[in-house]
Amino acid sequence: MADEYSDQEVCNLENGEANKGSGKEIWNVKTPQTMSSSMLRKKSDPMLVSNVRFNILRQFLANLQEVILGTKLAVLFPAIPLAVVADFYKFGRPWIFALSLLGLTPLAERVSFLTEQIAYFTGPTVGGLLNATCGNATELIIALLALYQNKINVLKYSLLGSILSNLLLVLGTSLLCGGLANLKKEQRYDRKQADVNSLLLLLGLLCHMLPLMFRYSAPPGTFTANSTLQLSRASSIVMLVAYISYIVFQLKTHRQLFESQEEDEEEEEEEKAVIGFWSAFSWLVGMTAIIAVLSEYVVGTIEAASDSWGISISFISIILLPIVGNAAEHAGSIIFAFKNKLDISLGVALGSASQISMFVVPLCVITAWIMGVSMDLDFSLLETGSLAFTIIITAFTLQDGTSHYMKGVILFLCYIAIAACFFVHKIPQSESTNNLGAKPSIRFMAA
């Protein structure tokens, strides 16, 4: 009878695979990012919808239960309609900003969940590629909307903040908590994965520093902003090529270097799709649209929130946005560190930082080029210096393959120092649509 279908059979029905012994094999793709987000998920009770009479309605309610109630962050979902209502009735713009920021938190975790569900049906390569491109969907959407509104400084600050947050806050807190929880154990991790990500980050740092050094080294009267733009666009293409090579390296040629630690039996039992492919795809499209709406609220109200709260735009963009937007992934990383699974924690922090630096940033530069907006890789002296010291300190921290809580303390305190710097760093509101550097913004002109 229809009422006796299991959850997995409902998934198969939805994909046209019921009662097929030789149907499409379902793959499980586990990456550090998806495993980190899974720590905040909770099991649903199938009995709540098992007595619903109609199969279609029962399937919809089951999917709704898995997607909306399947996370411990579900209590933050009411912030989404409240943000829409606040915008519709023209409430205070700082309220719209705060509610939108809260609403983005569970959405970011749910996008990771839905991407993982799709990966069960697409195979490990496509699933890994989806995770590699959608792992930081929230930051990418915020960046593109800021680019569309020509708020280049907000864009640069938010991307810089994501890198700093992953390398110092997430990794530092994970090493600190993991070290304190495992004082009597030697914590070790695979240096090979850390070395690859460190090399990527150093390449990204070089590409960020070249436009800045070019601006300061140019003889008086010879510097032109157009030259910096051309250098930035060439460097962005190099970065994208490096990221594509990294994806091939990670998913094909050296996949064994990025495989997570062995999971216990309880985790292995959960390795199956809980919703079907088309349901997951539909939910992913819908939630991406909601993220776009809330991101537009965030970008449009950030100046008002800065004025109302008396906090600089740089602090909000570099500190608050990354912390709230990646709260689920960050919390999962810390939990794995408690369990002495540092390979997963390092994969989350370094993988996300590499993705932002080598994929999202150059993609924004190329997109701006197409749109005729002048965005370059010159993040100004203070921002580039903070990024440089962050990457160098992180690389030194991870060079020996062992960890203890003191390493976490150092990284965390570095983050506090940088946060204090940007808390007192003020930029004029008139520059909110210009680049971070002293040079004026110019429009792209075809040669």
Protein backbone atom coordinates (compact mmCIF):
# COMPACT_ATOMS: atom_id res chain seq x y z
CA MET A 1 0.00 0.00 0.00
CA ALA A 2 1.09 3.61 -0.59
CA ASP A 3 1.01 4.37 3.13
CA GLU A 4 3.67 1.77 3.77
CA TYR A 5 6.42 3.32 1.68
CA SER A 6 9.62 4.09 3.50
CA ASP A 7 11.36 7.43 3.19
CA GLN A 8 13.94 5.98 0.81
CA GLU A 9 11.20 4.47 -1.36
CA VAL A 10 9.56 7.89 -1.55
CA CYS A 11 12.88 9.27 -2.80
CA ASN A 12 13.06 6.50 -5.41
CA LEU A 13 9.47 7.09 -6.48
CA GLU A 14 10.21 10.73 -6.97
CA ASN A 15 13.12 9.90 -9.26
CA GLY A 16 11.33 7.12 -11.13
CA GLU A 17 13.48 4.41 -9.56
CA ALA A 18 11.04 2.49 -7.40
CA ASN A 19 11.13 -1.30 -7.57
CA LYS A 20 14.21 -1.24 -9.81
CA GLY A 21 16.89 -3.48 -8.53
CA SER A 22 19.34 -2.15 -11.06
CA GLY A 23 18.37 1.52 -10.78
CA LYS A 24 20.90 4.35 -10.67
CA GLU A 25 23.39 3.80 -7.91
CA ILE A 26 23.26 6.42 -5.18
CA TRP A 27 26.65 7.83 -4.30
CA ASN A 28 27.65 9.44 -1.09
CA VAL A 29 30.01 12.39 -1.34
CA LYS A 30 31.46 13.44 2.01
CA THR A 31 33.64 16.50 2.13
CA PRO A 32 34.80 18.40 5.21
CA GLN A 33 32.32 21.19 4.46
CA THR A 34 29.28 18.93 4.20
CA MET A 35 30.34 16.87 7.23
CA SER A 36 30.80 20.04 9.24
CA SER A 37 27.31 21.32 8.43
CA SER A 38 25.83 17.88 9.20
CA MET A 39 26.76 18.29 12.86
CA LEU A 40 23.88 20.78 13.23
CA ARG A 41 21.28 18.53 11.65
CA LYS A 42 18.73 16.48 13.50
CA LYS A 43 16.76 13.41 12.58
CA SER A 44 13.14 13.78 11.62
CA ASP A 45 10.33 11.56 12.84
CA PRO A 46 8.71 9.81 9.85
CA MET A 47 5.69 8.91 12.00
CA LEU A 48 4.55 12.54 11.91
CA VAL A 49 3.60 12.27 8.23
CA SER A 50 3.12 8.50 7.83
CA ASN A 51 -0.64 8.71 8.38
CA VAL A 52 -1.26 11.34 5.72
CA ARG A 53 -3.61 9.81 3.19
CA PHE A 54 -2.41 11.16 -0.14
CA ASN A 55 1.04 10.18 -1.34
CA ILE A 56 1.87 13.54 -2.96
CA LEU A 57 0.88 15.48 0.16
CA ARG A 58 2.74 13.02 2.38
CA GLN A 59 5.85 13.37 0.21
CA PHE A 60 5.64 17.18 0.34
CA LEU A 61 5.24 17.20 4.12
CA ALA A 62 8.12 14.75 4.51
CA ASN A 63 10.37 16.97 2.41
CA LEU A 64 9.20 20.04 4.33
CA GLN A 65 10.04 18.27 7.57
CA GLU A 66 13.51 17.32 6.36
CA VAL A 67 14.41 20.70 4.83
CA ILE A 68 12.88 23.16 7.29
CA LEU A 69 12.87 21.24 10.57
CA GLY A 70 15.93 19.08 9.87
CA THR A 71 18.38 21.58 11.37
CA LYS A 72 19.01 22.83 14.87
CA LEU A 73 19.01 26.34 13.43
CA ALA A 74 15.32 26.10 12.46
CA VAL A 75 14.48 28.56 15.25
CA LEU A 76 16.03 31.29 13.08
CA PHE A 77 13.74 30.70 10.08
CA PRO A 78 11.07 33.14 11.39
CA ALA A 79 13.61 35.92 10.84
CA ILE A 80 13.12 35.50 7.08
CA PRO A 81 9.43 36.50 6.87
CA LEU A 82 10.03 39.14 9.54
CA ALA A 83 12.73 40.72 7.36
CA VAL A 84 10.35 40.76 4.37
CA VAL A 85 7.58 42.30 6.47
CA ALA A 86 9.99 44.86 7.91
CA ASP A 87 11.02 45.89 4.40
CA PHE A 88 7.42 45.99 3.12
CA TYR A 89 6.20 48.21 5.94
CA LYS A 90 9.36 50.36 5.87
CA PHE A 91 10.53 49.55 9.37
CA GLY A 92 13.89 50.83 10.55
CA ARG A 93 16.60 49.83 8.09
CA PRO A 94 18.90 48.54 10.87
CA TRP A 95 16.12 46.11 11.82
CA ILE A 96 15.91 44.91 8.23
CA PHE A 97 19.68 44.40 8.22
CA ALA A 98 19.71 42.46 11.50
CA LEU A 99 16.76 40.22 10.58
CA SER A 100 18.20 39.50 7.14
CA LEU A 101 21.54 38.59 8.66
CA LEU A 102 19.85 36.16 11.07
CA GLY A 103 17.78 34.65 8.28
CA LEU A 104 20.86 33.94 6.20
CA THR A 105 22.34 31.72 8.93
CA PRO A 106 20.02 28.66 8.57
CA LEU A 107 19.77 29.17 4.79
CA ALA A 108 23.53 28.77 4.39
CA GLU A 109 23.42 25.45 6.27
CA ARG A 110 20.40 24.24 4.29
CA VAL A 111 22.11 24.98 0.96
CA SER A 112 24.95 22.72 2.09
CA PHE A 113 22.42 20.02 3.02
CA LEU A 114 20.59 20.24 -0.31
CA THR A 115 23.85 20.18 -2.26
CA GLU A 116 24.79 17.02 -0.40
CA GLN A 117 21.42 15.43 -1.21
CA ILE A 118 21.84 16.18 -4.91
CA ALA A 119 25.34 14.68 -4.76
CA TYR A 120 23.87 11.31 -3.76
CA PHE A 121 22.29 11.05 -7.22
CA THR A 122 24.89 12.77 -9.42
CA GLY A 123 27.99 10.81 -8.45
CA PRO A 124 31.11 11.83 -6.55
CA THR A 125 32.67 14.04 -9.25
CA VAL A 126 29.61 16.18 -9.97
CA GLY A 127 28.75 16.21 -6.26
CA GLY A 128 32.20 17.41 -5.34
CA LEU A 129 32.04 20.05 -8.05
CA LEU A 130 28.69 21.26 -6.71
CA ASN A 131 30.17 21.55 -3.25
CA ALA A 132 33.22 23.34 -4.63
CA THR A 133 31.04 25.97 -6.32
CA CYS A 134 28.12 26.23 -3.85
CA GLY A 135 30.08 25.88 -0.61
CA ASN A 136 30.15 29.65 -0.19
CA ALA A 137 26.94 30.51 -2.04
CA THR A 138 25.92 33.14 0.52
CA GLU A 139 29.17 35.08 0.21
CA LEU A 140 29.05 34.82 -3.59
CA ILE A 141 25.49 36.15 -3.81
CA ILE A 142 26.21 39.02 -1.41
CA ALA A 143 29.32 39.88 -3.43
CA LEU A 144 27.48 39.88 -6.76
CA LEU A 145 24.67 42.05 -5.38
CA ALA A 146 27.19 44.49 -3.93
CA LEU A 147 28.88 44.53 -7.32
CA TYR A 148 25.55 45.19 -9.05
CA GLN A 149 24.94 48.15 -6.71
CA ASN A 150 28.53 49.34 -7.30
CA LYS A 151 29.41 49.03 -3.61
CA ILE A 152 32.90 47.80 -4.30
CA ASN A 153 34.22 48.39 -0.78
CA VAL A 154 31.43 46.32 0.78
CA LEU A 155 32.20 43.55 -1.70
CA LYS A 156 35.94 43.57 -0.99
CA TYR A 157 35.47 43.83 2.76
CA SER A 158 33.01 40.91 2.90
CA LEU A 159 35.27 38.62 0.85
CA LEU A 160 38.34 39.61 2.84
CA GLY A 161 36.40 39.00 6.05
CA SER A 162 35.44 35.49 4.92
CA ILE A 163 39.09 34.57 4.36
CA LEU A 164 40.24 36.05 7.67
CA SER A 165 37.35 34.45 9.54
CA ASN A 166 38.07 30.97 8.18
CA LEU A 167 41.83 31.11 8.74
CA LEU A 168 41.91 32.80 12.15
CA LEU A 169 38.54 32.51 13.88
CA VAL A 170 37.35 29.09 12.67
CA LEU A 171 40.72 27.38 12.54
CA GLY A 172 41.96 29.10 15.70
CA THR A 173 38.85 28.25 17.72
CA SER A 174 38.92 24.67 16.43
CA LEU A 175 42.56 24.16 17.41
CA LEU A 176 41.96 25.82 20.77
CA CYS A 177 38.88 23.77 21.66
CA GLY A 178 40.35 20.57 20.24
CA GLY A 179 43.57 21.07 22.18
CA LEU A 180 41.78 21.70 25.47
CA ALA A 181 39.48 18.71 24.95
CA ASN A 182 42.39 16.39 24.10
CA LEU A 183 45.12 17.53 26.48
CA LYS A 184 46.41 13.99 27.01
CA LYS A 185 46.39 13.07 23.31
CA GLU A 186 48.74 14.08 20.54
CA GLN A 187 46.67 15.76 17.88
CA ARG A 188 47.90 15.07 14.39
CA TYR A 189 46.58 15.81 10.92
CA ASP A 190 47.57 15.14 7.32
CA ARG A 191 49.98 17.85 6.22
CA LYS A 192 49.49 17.09 2.53
CA GLN A 193 46.01 18.63 2.36
CA ALA A 194 47.12 21.63 4.42
CA ASP A 195 50.16 22.16 2.16
CA VAL A 196 48.04 22.22 -1.00
CA ASN A 197 45.64 24.79 0.44
CA SER A 198 48.51 26.87 1.81
CA LEU A 199 50.09 26.99 -1.65
CA LEU A 200 46.78 28.12 -3.15
CA LEU A 201 46.39 30.84 -0.54
CA LEU A 202 49.96 32.06 -1.13
CA LEU A 203 49.32 32.24 -4.87
CA GLY A 204 46.15 34.21 -4.19
CA LEU A 205 48.10 36.52 -1.89
CA LEU A 206 50.65 37.18 -4.63
CA CYS A 207 47.87 38.08 -7.06
CA HIS A 208 46.35 40.43 -4.46
CA MET A 209 49.68 42.11 -3.70
CA LEU A 210 50.80 42.73 -7.29
CA PRO A 211 48.28 45.55 -8.03
CA LEU A 212 49.06 47.19 -4.68
CA MET A 213 52.83 47.00 -5.22
CA PHE A 214 52.39 48.19 -8.79
CA ARG A 215 50.52 51.26 -7.58
CA TYR A 216 53.20 52.18 -5.04
CA SER A 217 56.18 51.36 -7.27
CA ALA A 218 55.04 53.25 -10.34
CA PRO A 219 57.11 56.43 -10.97
CA PRO A 220 55.26 59.69 -10.29
CA GLY A 221 53.01 60.65 -13.16
CA THR A 222 53.11 57.25 -14.82
CA PHE A 223 50.56 55.37 -12.72
CA THR A 224 47.13 54.82 -14.26
CA ALA A 225 44.16 53.04 -12.73
CA ASN A 226 43.55 51.31 -16.07
CA SER A 227 46.92 49.54 -15.76
CA THR A 228 45.93 48.20 -12.33
CA LEU A 229 42.63 46.99 -13.75
CA GLN A 230 44.37 45.14 -16.57
CA LEU A 231 46.84 43.55 -14.16
CA SER A 232 44.00 42.54 -11.81
CA ARG A 233 42.01 40.94 -14.62
CA ALA A 234 45.04 38.99 -15.85
CA SER A 235 45.76 37.86 -12.28
CA SER A 236 42.11 36.84 -11.83
CA ILE A 237 42.31 34.59 -14.89
CA VAL A 238 45.45 33.01 -13.42
CA MET A 239 43.64 32.44 -10.11
CA LEU A 240 40.65 30.81 -11.82
CA VAL A 241 42.96 28.51 -13.79
CA ALA A 242 44.66 27.56 -10.52
CA TYR A 243 41.29 26.86 -8.88
CA ILE A 244 40.15 24.66 -11.76
CA SER A 245 43.42 22.75 -11.48
CA TYR A 246 42.77 22.40 -7.75
CA ILE A 247 39.31 20.95 -8.42
CA VAL A 248 40.77 18.37 -10.81
CA PHE A 249 43.51 17.62 -8.28
CA GLN A 250 40.96 17.23 -5.47
CA LEU A 251 38.27 15.26 -7.27
CA LYS A 252 40.27 13.18 -9.74
CA THR A 253 44.04 12.76 -9.64
CA HIS A 254 44.73 13.01 -5.88
CA ARG A 255 41.36 12.40 -4.37
CA GLN A 256 42.78 10.26 -1.58
CA LEU A 257 44.48 13.29 -0.02
CA PHE A 258 41.12 14.94 0.66
CA GLU A 259 39.19 11.95 1.98
CA SER A 260 37.90 12.58 5.46
CA GLN A 261 38.71 10.49 8.49
CA GLU A 262 36.83 7.26 8.94
CA GLU A 263 33.32 7.71 10.19
CA ASP A 264 31.86 5.58 12.94
CA GLU A 265 29.11 3.06 12.35
CA GLU A 266 26.34 5.41 13.39
CA GLU A 267 27.43 7.96 10.79
CA GLU A 268 27.68 5.31 8.10
CA GLU A 269 24.11 4.23 8.71
CA GLU A 270 22.96 7.78 7.92
CA GLU A 271 24.67 7.83 4.54
CA LYS A 272 21.59 7.81 2.35
CA ALA A 273 19.43 10.37 0.64
CA VAL A 274 16.44 11.54 2.66
CA ILE A 275 14.75 13.45 -0.17
CA GLY A 276 14.68 12.90 -3.91
CA PHE A 277 16.75 14.61 -6.56
CA TRP A 278 14.07 16.89 -7.99
CA SER A 279 12.82 17.88 -4.56
CA ALA A 280 16.35 18.77 -3.49
CA PHE A 281 16.92 20.72 -6.71
CA SER A 282 13.63 22.62 -6.33
CA TRP A 283 14.36 23.49 -2.71
CA LEU A 284 17.89 24.56 -3.66
CA VAL A 285 16.58 26.95 -6.32
CA GLY A 286 13.98 28.35 -3.94
CA MET A 287 16.42 28.88 -1.08
CA THR A 288 18.97 30.45 -3.40
CA ALA A 289 16.28 32.94 -4.44
CA ILE A 290 15.52 33.70 -0.78
CA ILE A 291 19.23 34.16 -0.08
CA ALA A 292 19.35 36.63 -2.97
CA VAL A 293 16.45 38.62 -1.49
CA LEU A 294 17.95 38.73 2.00
CA SER A 295 21.40 39.52 0.59
CA GLU A 296 19.91 42.47 -1.26
CA TYR A 297 18.43 43.68 2.04
CA VAL A 298 21.83 43.30 3.72
CA VAL A 299 23.72 45.18 1.02
CA GLY A 300 21.08 47.91 0.79
CA THR A 301 20.86 48.59 4.53
CA ILE A 302 24.46 48.14 5.68
CA GLU A 303 25.19 51.87 5.66
CA ALA A 304 22.04 52.60 7.68
CA ALA A 305 23.00 49.92 10.21
CA SER A 306 26.49 51.38 10.43
CA ASP A 307 25.15 54.87 11.15
CA SER A 308 22.54 53.65 13.64
CA TRP A 309 24.84 51.37 15.61
CA GLY A 310 27.89 53.58 15.41
CA ILE A 311 29.95 50.72 13.94
CA SER A 312 32.12 51.15 10.86
CA ILE A 313 31.12 49.49 7.60
CA SER A 314 34.50 47.77 7.54
CA PHE A 315 33.84 46.07 10.88
CA ILE A 316 30.33 44.98 9.90
CA SER A 317 31.51 43.60 6.55
CA ILE A 318 34.73 41.95 7.72
CA ILE A 319 33.63 40.65 11.13
CA LEU A 320 29.83 40.38 11.45
CA LEU A 321 28.86 39.15 7.98
CA PRO A 322 31.28 36.16 7.86
CA ILE A 323 30.54 35.10 11.45
CA VAL A 324 26.76 35.03 10.97
CA GLY A 325 26.77 33.74 7.39
CA ASN A 326 28.95 30.72 8.17
CA ALA A 327 27.86 29.99 11.73
CA ALA A 328 26.65 26.46 10.95
CA GLU A 329 29.81 25.41 9.14
CA HIS A 330 31.99 26.99 11.81
CA ALA A 331 30.19 25.27 14.66
CA GLY A 332 30.55 21.90 12.95
CA SER A 333 34.29 22.47 12.52
CA ILE A 334 34.69 23.10 16.24
CA ILE A 335 32.66 19.99 17.12
CA PHE A 336 34.92 17.82 14.95
CA ALA A 337 37.96 19.35 16.65
CA PHE A 338 36.50 18.28 20.00
CA LYS A 339 36.36 14.75 18.58
CA ASN A 340 40.04 15.00 17.59
CA LYS A 341 39.21 14.90 13.86
CA LEU A 342 41.41 17.79 12.83
CA ASP A 343 41.58 16.77 9.18
CA ILE A 344 37.90 17.67 8.84
CA SER A 345 38.29 20.93 10.76
CA LEU A 346 41.26 21.94 8.62
CA GLY A 347 39.39 20.94 5.47
CA VAL A 348 36.51 23.25 6.43
CA ALA A 349 38.64 26.28 7.30
CA LEU A 350 41.30 26.01 4.60
CA GLY A 351 38.92 24.77 1.91
CA SER A 352 36.48 27.66 2.40
CA ALA A 353 39.29 30.23 2.53
CA SER A 354 40.83 28.84 -0.66
CA GLN A 355 37.45 28.86 -2.39
CA ILE A 356 36.82 32.51 -1.52
CA SER A 357 40.34 33.62 -2.44
CA MET A 358 40.81 31.63 -5.64
CA PHE A 359 37.26 31.38 -6.99
CA VAL A 360 34.84 33.99 -5.61
CA VAL A 361 37.23 36.97 -5.67
CA PRO A 362 38.51 36.49 -9.26
CA LEU A 363 35.00 35.60 -10.43
CA CYS A 364 33.78 38.96 -9.11
CA VAL A 365 36.61 40.76 -10.93
CA ILE A 366 35.76 39.03 -14.22
CA THR A 367 32.02 39.65 -13.71
CA ALA A 368 32.71 43.32 -13.00
CA TRP A 369 34.77 43.46 -16.19
CA ILE A 370 31.79 42.13 -18.16
CA MET A 371 29.42 44.58 -16.42
CA GLY A 372 31.70 47.53 -17.09
CA VAL A 373 32.43 48.13 -13.40
CA SER A 374 35.98 48.93 -12.29
CA MET A 375 36.87 46.34 -9.66
CA ASP A 376 40.49 45.37 -9.21
CA LEU A 377 42.50 43.24 -6.79
CA ASP A 378 43.97 46.25 -4.99
CA PHE A 379 42.49 45.83 -1.51
CA SER A 380 44.54 48.78 -0.19
CA LEU A 381 47.50 48.60 2.18
CA LEU A 382 45.77 47.82 5.50
CA GLU A 383 43.53 45.12 4.08
CA THR A 384 46.23 43.43 1.99
CA GLY A 385 48.69 43.56 4.91
CA SER A 386 46.14 41.89 7.20
CA LEU A 387 45.57 39.18 4.59
CA ALA A 388 49.29 38.64 4.08
CA PHE A 389 50.12 38.22 7.77
CA THR A 390 47.08 35.97 8.23
CA ILE A 391 48.13 33.56 5.47
CA ILE A 392 51.78 33.54 6.59
CA ILE A 393 50.90 32.92 10.26
CA THR A 394 48.47 30.14 9.27
CA ALA A 395 51.08 28.48 7.04
CA PHE A 396 53.65 28.55 9.86
CA THR A 397 51.08 27.17 12.30
CA LEU A 398 50.32 24.13 10.14
CA GLN A 399 53.84 23.24 9.00
CA ASP A 400 54.63 20.41 11.46
CA GLY A 401 51.46 18.27 11.23
CA THR A 402 50.67 18.46 14.96
CA SER A 403 48.45 20.70 17.01
CA HIS A 404 47.91 21.94 20.56
CA TYR A 405 45.74 24.58 22.13
CA MET A 406 48.48 27.24 22.09
CA LYS A 407 48.33 27.37 18.31
CA GLY A 408 44.62 28.04 18.57
CA VAL A 409 45.21 30.79 21.12
CA ILE A 410 47.64 32.58 18.79
CA LEU A 411 45.34 32.41 15.76
CA PHE A 412 42.31 33.53 17.77
CA LEU A 413 44.18 36.48 19.29
CA CYS A 414 45.37 37.50 15.82
CA TYR A 415 41.73 37.65 14.79
CA ILE A 416 40.84 39.77 17.83
CA ALA A 417 43.66 42.20 16.98
CA ILE A 418 42.51 42.53 13.37
CA ALA A 419 38.88 42.94 14.49
CA ALA A 420 39.92 45.77 16.83
CA CYS A 421 41.79 47.41 13.97
CA PHE A 422 38.78 47.46 11.67
CA PHE A 423 36.47 48.46 14.53
CA VAL A 424 38.27 51.81 14.75
CA HIS A 425 38.88 52.01 10.99
CA LYS A 426 36.41 54.48 9.48
CA ILE A 427 35.84 55.22 5.82
CA PRO A 428 33.70 58.11 4.54
CA GLN A 429 30.18 57.17 3.49
CA SER A 430 30.86 58.91 0.17
CA GLU A 431 33.31 56.12 -0.65
CA SER A 432 30.72 53.37 -0.21
CA THR A 433 30.46 52.95 -3.98
CA ASN A 434 34.16 53.32 -4.76
CA ASN A 435 37.21 51.13 -4.50
CA LEU A 436 39.09 50.83 -1.24
CA GLY A 437 42.19 52.50 -2.59
CA ALA A 438 42.79 56.21 -2.95
CA LYS A 439 42.37 56.13 -6.71
CA PRO A 440 39.00 57.14 -8.17
CA SER A 441 36.69 54.59 -9.74
CA ILE A 442 36.71 54.51 -13.51
CA ARG A 443 34.42 52.75 -15.91
CA PHE A 444 35.67 50.00 -18.15
CA MET A 445 36.28 51.25 -21.68
CA ALA A 446 36.84 48.90 -24.54
CA ALA A 447 40.13 49.34 -26.24
